[in-house]
Amino acid sequence: MLQVPTPPAFAWAYNNSLSPYPYDPAKAKSLLKKLVTNAKLTFYVTQGGSGMLDPVAMGTAIQADLSAVGFDVEIKTFEWNTFLEK
């Protein structure tokens, strides 16, 4: 799991003075309740051609993490060319 905005492999952008946030879904859910009135997201996921090996599985994992903290997440899949047209 990535705990910093940029991993050390990208030395030109890595900042080792940043502290990682702890994984705390309960705190995230609490903060969202205070700050967000409508936590609905739609992910547009391509089914190939974008360079990702398994974009639907990745989108599903993101959906599960965001659902755990109170987001209503919808995934819409498109073929690569259709995605580019949108």
PDB file of N, CA and C in Angstrom:
ATOM      1  N   MET A   1       0.841  -1.169   0.000  1.00  0.00           N
ATOM      2  CA  MET A   1       0.000   0.000   0.000  1.00  0.00           C
ATOM      3  C   MET A   1       0.895   1.243   0.000  1.00  0.00           C
ATOM      4  N   LEU A   2       0.567   2.161  -0.845  1.00  0.00           N
ATOM      5  CA  LEU A   2       1.306   3.420  -0.924  1.00  0.00           C
ATOM      6  C   LEU A   2       0.863   4.336   0.207  1.00  0.00           C
ATOM      7  N   GLN A   3       1.815   4.844   0.968  1.00  0.00           N
ATOM      8  CA  GLN A   3       1.480   5.707   2.096  1.00  0.00           C
ATOM      9  C   GLN A   3       1.954   7.140   1.912  1.00  0.00           C
ATOM     10  N   VAL A   4       2.551   7.448   0.790  1.00  0.00           N
ATOM     11  CA  VAL A   4       3.011   8.805   0.506  1.00  0.00           C
ATOM     12  C   VAL A   4       2.551   9.176  -0.893  1.00  0.00           C
ATOM     13  N   PRO A   5       2.429  10.482  -1.188  1.00  0.00           N
ATOM     14  CA  PRO A   5       1.967  10.884  -2.514  1.00  0.00           C
ATOM     15  C   PRO A   5       2.844  10.366  -3.653  1.00  0.00           C
ATOM     16  N   THR A   6       4.139  10.312  -3.432  1.00  0.00           N
ATOM     17  CA  THR A   6       5.078   9.867  -4.460  1.00  0.00           C
ATOM     18  C   THR A   6       6.041   8.862  -3.839  1.00  0.00           C
ATOM     19  N   PRO A   7       6.192   7.673  -4.425  1.00  0.00           N
ATOM     20  CA  PRO A   7       7.095   6.676  -3.852  1.00  0.00           C
ATOM     21  C   PRO A   7       8.562   7.059  -4.041  1.00  0.00           C
ATOM     22  N   PRO A   8       9.455   6.505  -3.209  1.00  0.00           N
ATOM     23  CA  PRO A   8      10.881   6.832  -3.284  1.00  0.00           C
ATOM     24  C   PRO A   8      11.512   6.556  -4.647  1.00  0.00           C
ATOM     25  N   ALA A   9      10.939   5.649  -5.419  1.00  0.00           N
ATOM     26  CA  ALA A   9      11.492   5.344  -6.744  1.00  0.00           C
ATOM     27  C   ALA A   9      11.499   6.576  -7.649  1.00  0.00           C
ATOM     28  N   PHE A  10      10.612   7.519  -7.398  1.00  0.00           N
ATOM     29  CA  PHE A  10      10.566   8.762  -8.165  1.00  0.00           C
ATOM     30  C   PHE A  10      11.308   9.834  -7.371  1.00  0.00           C
ATOM     31  N   ALA A  11      12.623   9.690  -7.291  1.00  0.00           N
ATOM     32  CA  ALA A  11      13.461  10.534  -6.429  1.00  0.00           C
ATOM     33  C   ALA A  11      13.283  12.023  -6.705  1.00  0.00           C
ATOM     34  N   TRP A  12      13.048  12.402  -7.948  1.00  0.00           N
ATOM     35  CA  TRP A  12      12.913  13.813  -8.291  1.00  0.00           C
ATOM     36  C   TRP A  12      11.670  14.439  -7.656  1.00  0.00           C
ATOM     37  N   ALA A  13      10.680  13.628  -7.278  1.00  0.00           N
ATOM     38  CA  ALA A  13       9.446  14.158  -6.698  1.00  0.00           C
ATOM     39  C   ALA A  13       9.206  13.677  -5.268  1.00  0.00           C
ATOM     40  N   TYR A  14      10.039  12.768  -4.787  1.00  0.00           N
ATOM     41  CA  TYR A  14       9.847  12.193  -3.455  1.00  0.00           C
ATOM     42  C   TYR A  14      10.277  13.170  -2.367  1.00  0.00           C
ATOM     43  N   ASN A  15       9.501  13.241  -1.304  1.00  0.00           N
ATOM     44  CA  ASN A  15       9.815  14.122  -0.176  1.00  0.00           C
ATOM     45  C   ASN A  15       9.760  13.284   1.099  1.00  0.00           C
ATOM     46  N   ASN A  16      10.923  12.940   1.651  1.00  0.00           N
ATOM     47  CA  ASN A  16      10.943  12.056   2.814  1.00  0.00           C
ATOM     48  C   ASN A  16      10.554  12.759   4.114  1.00  0.00           C
ATOM     49  N   SER A  17      10.279  14.059   4.068  1.00  0.00           N
ATOM     50  CA  SER A  17       9.843  14.754   5.279  1.00  0.00           C
ATOM     51  C   SER A  17       8.330  14.645   5.493  1.00  0.00           C
ATOM     52  N   LEU A  18       7.616  14.091   4.517  1.00  0.00           N
ATOM     53  CA  LEU A  18       6.172  13.916   4.661  1.00  0.00           C
ATOM     54  C   LEU A  18       5.882  12.671   5.488  1.00  0.00           C
ATOM     55  N   SER A  19       4.962  12.786   6.404  1.00  0.00           N
ATOM     56  CA  SER A  19       4.558  11.638   7.214  1.00  0.00           C
ATOM     57  C   SER A  19       3.317  11.004   6.600  1.00  0.00           C
ATOM     58  N   PRO A  20       3.269   9.678   6.547  1.00  0.00           N
ATOM     59  CA  PRO A  20       2.088   9.026   5.972  1.00  0.00           C
ATOM     60  C   PRO A  20       0.884   9.145   6.900  1.00  0.00           C
ATOM     61  N   TYR A  21      -0.297   9.203   6.303  1.00  0.00           N
ATOM     62  CA  TYR A  21      -1.518   9.154   7.091  1.00  0.00           C
ATOM     63  C   TYR A  21      -1.778   7.697   7.455  1.00  0.00           C
ATOM     64  N   PRO A  22      -2.223   7.426   8.666  1.00  0.00           N
ATOM     65  CA  PRO A  22      -2.552   6.036   9.008  1.00  0.00           C
ATOM     66  C   PRO A  22      -3.841   5.621   8.301  1.00  0.00           C
ATOM     67  N   TYR A  23      -3.979   4.339   8.039  1.00  0.00           N
ATOM     68  CA  TYR A  23      -5.201   3.811   7.442  1.00  0.00           C
ATOM     69  C   TYR A  23      -6.270   3.797   8.525  1.00  0.00           C
ATOM     70  N   ASP A  24      -7.263   4.661   8.400  1.00  0.00           N
ATOM     71  CA  ASP A  24      -8.275   4.800   9.441  1.00  0.00           C
ATOM     72  C   ASP A  24      -9.632   5.088   8.808  1.00  0.00           C
ATOM     73  N   PRO A  25     -10.322   4.042   8.309  1.00  0.00           N
ATOM     74  CA  PRO A  25     -11.624   4.248   7.661  1.00  0.00           C
ATOM     75  C   PRO A  25     -12.652   4.920   8.568  1.00  0.00           C
ATOM     76  N   ALA A  26     -12.623   4.631   9.866  1.00  0.00           N
ATOM     77  CA  ALA A  26     -13.595   5.244  10.782  1.00  0.00           C
ATOM     78  C   ALA A  26     -13.397   6.757  10.847  1.00  0.00           C
ATOM     79  N   LYS A  27     -12.156   7.199  10.901  1.00  0.00           N
ATOM     80  CA  LYS A  27     -11.879   8.641  10.925  1.00  0.00           C
ATOM     81  C   LYS A  27     -12.279   9.281   9.600  1.00  0.00           C
ATOM     82  N   ALA A  28     -11.990   8.603   8.500  1.00  0.00           N
ATOM     83  CA  ALA A  28     -12.373   9.124   7.184  1.00  0.00           C
ATOM     84  C   ALA A  28     -13.883   9.282   7.090  1.00  0.00           C
ATOM     85  N   LYS A  29     -14.608   8.287   7.571  1.00  0.00           N
ATOM     86  CA  LYS A  29     -16.071   8.342   7.531  1.00  0.00           C
ATOM     87  C   LYS A  29     -16.586   9.507   8.378  1.00  0.00           C
ATOM     88  N   SER A  30     -15.992   9.709   9.542  1.00  0.00           N
ATOM     89  CA  SER A  30     -16.379  10.811  10.424  1.00  0.00           C
ATOM     90  C   SER A  30     -16.123  12.164   9.764  1.00  0.00           C
ATOM     91  N   LEU A  31     -14.957  12.329   9.151  1.00  0.00           N
ATOM     92  CA  LEU A  31     -14.632  13.589   8.476  1.00  0.00           C
ATOM     93  C   LEU A  31     -15.562  13.845   7.299  1.00  0.00           C
ATOM     94  N   LEU A  32     -15.869  12.800   6.534  1.00  0.00           N
ATOM     95  CA  LEU A  32     -16.768  12.967   5.394  1.00  0.00           C
ATOM     96  C   LEU A  32     -18.161  13.395   5.838  1.00  0.00           C
ATOM     97  N   LYS A  33     -18.642  12.850   6.933  1.00  0.00           N
ATOM     98  CA  LYS A  33     -19.968  13.237   7.430  1.00  0.00           C
ATOM     99  C   LYS A  33     -20.020  14.723   7.760  1.00  0.00           C
ATOM    100  N   LYS A  34     -18.914  15.257   8.263  1.00  0.00           N
ATOM    101  CA  LYS A  34     -18.855  16.672   8.621  1.00  0.00           C
ATOM    102  C   LYS A  34     -18.714  17.577   7.400  1.00  0.00           C
ATOM    103  N   LEU A  35     -18.043  17.098   6.359  1.00  0.00           N
ATOM    104  CA  LEU A  35     -17.660  17.963   5.247  1.00  0.00           C
ATOM    105  C   LEU A  35     -18.461  17.780   3.964  1.00  0.00           C
ATOM    106  N   VAL A  36     -19.029  16.612   3.756  1.00  0.00           N
ATOM    107  CA  VAL A  36     -19.640  16.295   2.463  1.00  0.00           C
ATOM    108  C   VAL A  36     -21.120  15.993   2.644  1.00  0.00           C
ATOM    109  N   THR A  37     -21.949  16.633   1.819  1.00  0.00           N
ATOM    110  CA  THR A  37     -23.381  16.366   1.903  1.00  0.00           C
ATOM    111  C   THR A  37     -23.815  15.269   0.941  1.00  0.00           C
ATOM    112  N   ASN A  38     -23.140  15.135  -0.177  1.00  0.00           N
ATOM    113  CA  ASN A  38     -23.482  14.099  -1.151  1.00  0.00           C
ATOM    114  C   ASN A  38     -22.192  13.431  -1.609  1.00  0.00           C
ATOM    115  N   ALA A  39     -21.909  12.279  -1.076  1.00  0.00           N
ATOM    116  CA  ALA A  39     -20.662  11.586  -1.395  1.00  0.00           C
ATOM    117  C   ALA A  39     -20.902  10.556  -2.492  1.00  0.00           C
ATOM    118  N   LYS A  40     -21.336  11.028  -3.667  1.00  0.00           N
ATOM    119  CA  LYS A  40     -21.566  10.121  -4.796  1.00  0.00           C
ATOM    120  C   LYS A  40     -20.486  10.341  -5.831  1.00  0.00           C
ATOM    121  N   LEU A  41     -19.869   9.260  -6.260  1.00  0.00           N
ATOM    122  CA  LEU A  41     -18.828   9.310  -7.282  1.00  0.00           C
ATOM    123  C   LEU A  41     -19.169   8.341  -8.393  1.00  0.00           C
ATOM    124  N   THR A  42     -18.768   8.682  -9.602  1.00  0.00           N
ATOM    125  CA  THR A  42     -18.861   7.755 -10.716  1.00  0.00           C
ATOM    126  C   THR A  42     -17.470   7.579 -11.282  1.00  0.00           C
ATOM    127  N   PHE A  43     -17.005   6.335 -11.343  1.00  0.00           N
ATOM    128  CA  PHE A  43     -15.724   6.022 -11.960  1.00  0.00           C
ATOM    129  C   PHE A  43     -15.983   5.586 -13.386  1.00  0.00           C
ATOM    130  N   TYR A  44     -15.257   6.169 -14.307  1.00  0.00           N
ATOM    131  CA  TYR A  44     -15.317   5.738 -15.692  1.00  0.00           C
ATOM    132  C   TYR A  44     -14.073   4.906 -15.945  1.00  0.00           C
ATOM    133  N   VAL A  45     -14.265   3.620 -16.174  1.00  0.00           N
ATOM    134  CA  VAL A  45     -13.161   2.676 -16.296  1.00  0.00           C
ATOM    135  C   VAL A  45     -13.149   2.106 -17.704  1.00  0.00           C
ATOM    136  N   THR A  46     -11.979   2.125 -18.324  1.00  0.00           N
ATOM    137  CA  THR A  46     -11.863   1.536 -19.657  1.00  0.00           C
ATOM    138  C   THR A  46     -11.598   0.044 -19.529  1.00  0.00           C
ATOM    139  N   GLN A  47     -11.981  -0.706 -20.549  1.00  0.00           N
ATOM    140  CA  GLN A  47     -11.805  -2.154 -20.536  1.00  0.00           C
ATOM    141  C   GLN A  47     -10.554  -2.574 -21.279  1.00  0.00           C
ATOM    142  N   GLY A  48      -9.623  -1.706 -21.441  1.00  0.00           N
ATOM    143  CA  GLY A  48      -8.384  -2.044 -22.134  1.00  0.00           C
ATOM    144  C   GLY A  48      -7.921  -0.884 -22.985  1.00  0.00           C
ATOM    145  N   GLY A  49      -6.670  -0.938 -23.397  1.00  0.00           N
ATOM    146  CA  GLY A  49      -6.129   0.087 -24.264  1.00  0.00           C
ATOM    147  C   GLY A  49      -5.512   1.255 -23.527  1.00  0.00           C
ATOM    148  N   SER A  50      -5.750   1.341 -22.232  1.00  0.00           N
ATOM    149  CA  SER A  50      -5.231   2.476 -21.477  1.00  0.00           C
ATOM    150  C   SER A  50      -3.887   2.178 -20.834  1.00  0.00           C
ATOM    151  N   GLY A  51      -3.397   0.958 -20.961  1.00  0.00           N
ATOM    152  CA  GLY A  51      -2.128   0.583 -20.349  1.00  0.00           C
ATOM    153  C   GLY A  51      -2.288  -0.096 -19.008  1.00  0.00           C
ATOM    154  N   MET A  52      -3.484  -0.067 -18.433  1.00  0.00           N
ATOM    155  CA  MET A  52      -3.711  -0.758 -17.161  1.00  0.00           C
ATOM    156  C   MET A  52      -3.981  -2.230 -17.446  1.00  0.00           C
ATOM    157  N   LEU A  53      -3.433  -3.105 -16.620  1.00  0.00           N
ATOM    158  CA  LEU A  53      -3.580  -4.533 -16.859  1.00  0.00           C
ATOM    159  C   LEU A  53      -4.978  -5.045 -16.559  1.00  0.00           C
ATOM    160  N   ASP A  54      -5.585  -4.586 -15.500  1.00  0.00           N
ATOM    161  CA  ASP A  54      -6.922  -5.046 -15.128  1.00  0.00           C
ATOM    162  C   ASP A  54      -7.711  -3.889 -14.520  1.00  0.00           C
ATOM    163  N   PRO A  55      -8.152  -2.953 -15.356  1.00  0.00           N
ATOM    164  CA  PRO A  55      -8.772  -1.730 -14.840  1.00  0.00           C
ATOM    165  C   PRO A  55     -10.082  -1.955 -14.098  1.00  0.00           C
ATOM    166  N   VAL A  56     -10.874  -2.955 -14.503  1.00  0.00           N
ATOM    167  CA  VAL A  56     -12.151  -3.180 -13.830  1.00  0.00           C
ATOM    168  C   VAL A  56     -11.910  -3.675 -12.404  1.00  0.00           C
ATOM    169  N   ALA A  57     -10.961  -4.591 -12.239  1.00  0.00           N
ATOM    170  CA  ALA A  57     -10.634  -5.075 -10.887  1.00  0.00           C
ATOM    171  C   ALA A  57     -10.087  -3.939 -10.027  1.00  0.00           C
ATOM    172  N   MET A  58      -9.263  -3.089 -10.611  1.00  0.00           N
ATOM    173  CA  MET A  58      -8.720  -1.958  -9.864  1.00  0.00           C
ATOM    174  C   MET A  58      -9.843  -0.997  -9.465  1.00  0.00           C
ATOM    175  N   GLY A  59     -10.749  -0.720 -10.386  1.00  0.00           N
ATOM    176  CA  GLY A  59     -11.887   0.146 -10.081  1.00  0.00           C
ATOM    177  C   GLY A  59     -12.773  -0.440  -8.995  1.00  0.00           C
ATOM    178  N   THR A  60     -12.944  -1.758  -9.018  1.00  0.00           N
ATOM    179  CA  THR A  60     -13.746  -2.434  -8.003  1.00  0.00           C
ATOM    180  C   THR A  60     -13.090  -2.336  -6.629  1.00  0.00           C
ATOM    181  N   ALA A  61     -11.769  -2.451  -6.582  1.00  0.00           N
ATOM    182  CA  ALA A  61     -11.049  -2.313  -5.307  1.00  0.00           C
ATOM    183  C   ALA A  61     -11.190  -0.890  -4.766  1.00  0.00           C
ATOM    184  N   ILE A  62     -11.073   0.095  -5.640  1.00  0.00           N
ATOM    185  CA  ILE A  62     -11.250   1.493  -5.226  1.00  0.00           C
ATOM    186  C   ILE A  62     -12.681   1.711  -4.739  1.00  0.00           C
ATOM    187  N   GLN A  63     -13.640   1.132  -5.458  1.00  0.00           N
ATOM    188  CA  GLN A  63     -15.043   1.242  -5.073  1.00  0.00           C
ATOM    189  C   GLN A  63     -15.263   0.687  -3.659  1.00  0.00           C
ATOM    190  N   ALA A  64     -14.676  -0.460  -3.359  1.00  0.00           N
ATOM    191  CA  ALA A  64     -14.837  -1.076  -2.035  1.00  0.00           C
ATOM    192  C   ALA A  64     -14.247  -0.192  -0.939  1.00  0.00           C
ATOM    193  N   ASP A  65     -13.061   0.357  -1.183  1.00  0.00           N
ATOM    194  CA  ASP A  65     -12.430   1.226  -0.179  1.00  0.00           C
ATOM    195  C   ASP A  65     -13.257   2.483   0.070  1.00  0.00           C
ATOM    196  N   LEU A  66     -13.752   3.093  -0.991  1.00  0.00           N
ATOM    197  CA  LEU A  66     -14.539   4.316  -0.830  1.00  0.00           C
ATOM    198  C   LEU A  66     -15.920   4.032  -0.244  1.00  0.00           C
ATOM    199  N   SER A  67     -16.497   2.891  -0.579  1.00  0.00           N
ATOM    200  CA  SER A  67     -17.786   2.511   0.003  1.00  0.00           C
ATOM    201  C   SER A  67     -17.661   2.310   1.511  1.00  0.00           C
ATOM    202  N   ALA A  68     -16.512   1.803   1.951  1.00  0.00           N
ATOM    203  CA  ALA A  68     -16.282   1.558   3.379  1.00  0.00           C
ATOM    204  C   ALA A  68     -16.297   2.839   4.203  1.00  0.00           C
ATOM    205  N   VAL A  69     -16.047   3.975   3.564  1.00  0.00           N
ATOM    206  CA  VAL A  69     -16.048   5.243   4.306  1.00  0.00           C
ATOM    207  C   VAL A  69     -17.256   6.116   3.965  1.00  0.00           C
ATOM    208  N   GLY A  70     -18.226   5.558   3.251  1.00  0.00           N
ATOM    209  CA  GLY A  70     -19.479   6.266   3.054  1.00  0.00           C
ATOM    210  C   GLY A  70     -19.769   6.806   1.674  1.00  0.00           C
ATOM    211  N   PHE A  71     -18.907   6.555   0.698  1.00  0.00           N
ATOM    212  CA  PHE A  71     -19.189   7.013  -0.659  1.00  0.00           C
ATOM    213  C   PHE A  71     -20.110   6.035  -1.368  1.00  0.00           C
ATOM    214  N   ASP A  72     -20.985   6.557  -2.193  1.00  0.00           N
ATOM    215  CA  ASP A  72     -21.806   5.758  -3.092  1.00  0.00           C
ATOM    216  C   ASP A  72     -21.090   5.800  -4.433  1.00  0.00           C
ATOM    217  N   VAL A  73     -20.438   4.710  -4.806  1.00  0.00           N
ATOM    218  CA  VAL A  73     -19.568   4.696  -5.982  1.00  0.00           C
ATOM    219  C   VAL A  73     -20.172   3.827  -7.072  1.00  0.00           C
ATOM    220  N   GLU A  74     -20.283   4.395  -8.252  1.00  0.00           N
ATOM    221  CA  GLU A  74     -20.754   3.661  -9.427  1.00  0.00           C
ATOM    222  C   GLU A  74     -19.590   3.535 -10.400  1.00  0.00           C
ATOM    223  N   ILE A  75     -19.449   2.347 -10.972  1.00  0.00           N
ATOM    224  CA  ILE A  75     -18.411   2.133 -11.976  1.00  0.00           C
ATOM    225  C   ILE A  75     -19.095   1.974 -13.328  1.00  0.00           C
ATOM    226  N   LYS A  76     -18.650   2.746 -14.295  1.00  0.00           N
ATOM    227  CA  LYS A  76     -19.137   2.608 -15.667  1.00  0.00           C
ATOM    228  C   LYS A  76     -17.959   2.199 -16.532  1.00  0.00           C
ATOM    229  N   THR A  77     -18.137   1.148 -17.307  1.00  0.00           N
ATOM    230  CA  THR A  77     -17.045   0.678 -18.155  1.00  0.00           C
ATOM    231  C   THR A  77     -17.313   1.027 -19.613  1.00  0.00           C
ATOM    232  N   PHE A  78     -16.235   1.321 -20.310  1.00  0.00           N
ATOM    233  CA  PHE A  78     -16.294   1.660 -21.721  1.00  0.00           C
ATOM    234  C   PHE A  78     -15.137   0.985 -22.442  1.00  0.00           C
ATOM    235  N   GLU A  79     -15.337   0.680 -23.703  1.00  0.00           N
ATOM    236  CA  GLU A  79     -14.208   0.308 -24.550  1.00  0.00           C
ATOM    237  C   GLU A  79     -13.337   1.556 -24.686  1.00  0.00           C
ATOM    238  N   TRP A  80     -12.057   1.376 -24.938  1.00  0.00           N
ATOM    239  CA  TRP A  80     -11.100   2.479 -24.958  1.00  0.00           C
ATOM    240  C   TRP A  80     -11.522   3.600 -25.909  1.00  0.00           C
ATOM    241  N   ASN A  81     -11.905   3.281 -27.137  1.00  0.00           N
ATOM    242  CA  ASN A  81     -12.276   4.322 -28.109  1.00  0.00           C
ATOM    243  C   ASN A  81     -13.541   5.068 -27.686  1.00  0.00           C
ATOM    244  N   THR A  82     -14.496   4.367 -27.112  1.00  0.00           N
ATOM    245  CA  THR A  82     -15.706   5.020 -26.611  1.00  0.00           C
ATOM    246  C   THR A  82     -15.362   5.957 -25.466  1.00  0.00           C
ATOM    247  N   PHE A  83     -14.457   5.511 -24.595  1.00  0.00           N
ATOM    248  CA  PHE A  83     -14.005   6.339 -23.477  1.00  0.00           C
ATOM    249  C   PHE A  83     -13.381   7.635 -23.988  1.00  0.00           C
ATOM    250  N   LEU A  84     -12.553   7.541 -25.020  1.00  0.00           N
ATOM    251  CA  LEU A  84     -11.899   8.725 -25.576  1.00  0.00           C
ATOM    252  C   LEU A  84     -12.905   9.705 -26.165  1.00  0.00           C
ATOM    253  N   GLU A  85     -13.988   9.192 -26.732  1.00  0.00           N
ATOM    254  CA  GLU A  85     -15.020  10.055 -27.301  1.00  0.00           C
ATOM    255  C   GLU A  85     -15.773  10.828 -26.224  1.00  0.00           C
ATOM    256  N   LYS A  86     -15.876  10.280 -25.039  1.00  0.00           N
ATOM    257  CA  LYS A  86     -16.622  10.922 -23.953  1.00  0.00           C
ATOM    258  C   LYS A  86     -15.761  11.985 -23.340  1.00  0.00           C
TER     259      LYS A  86
END
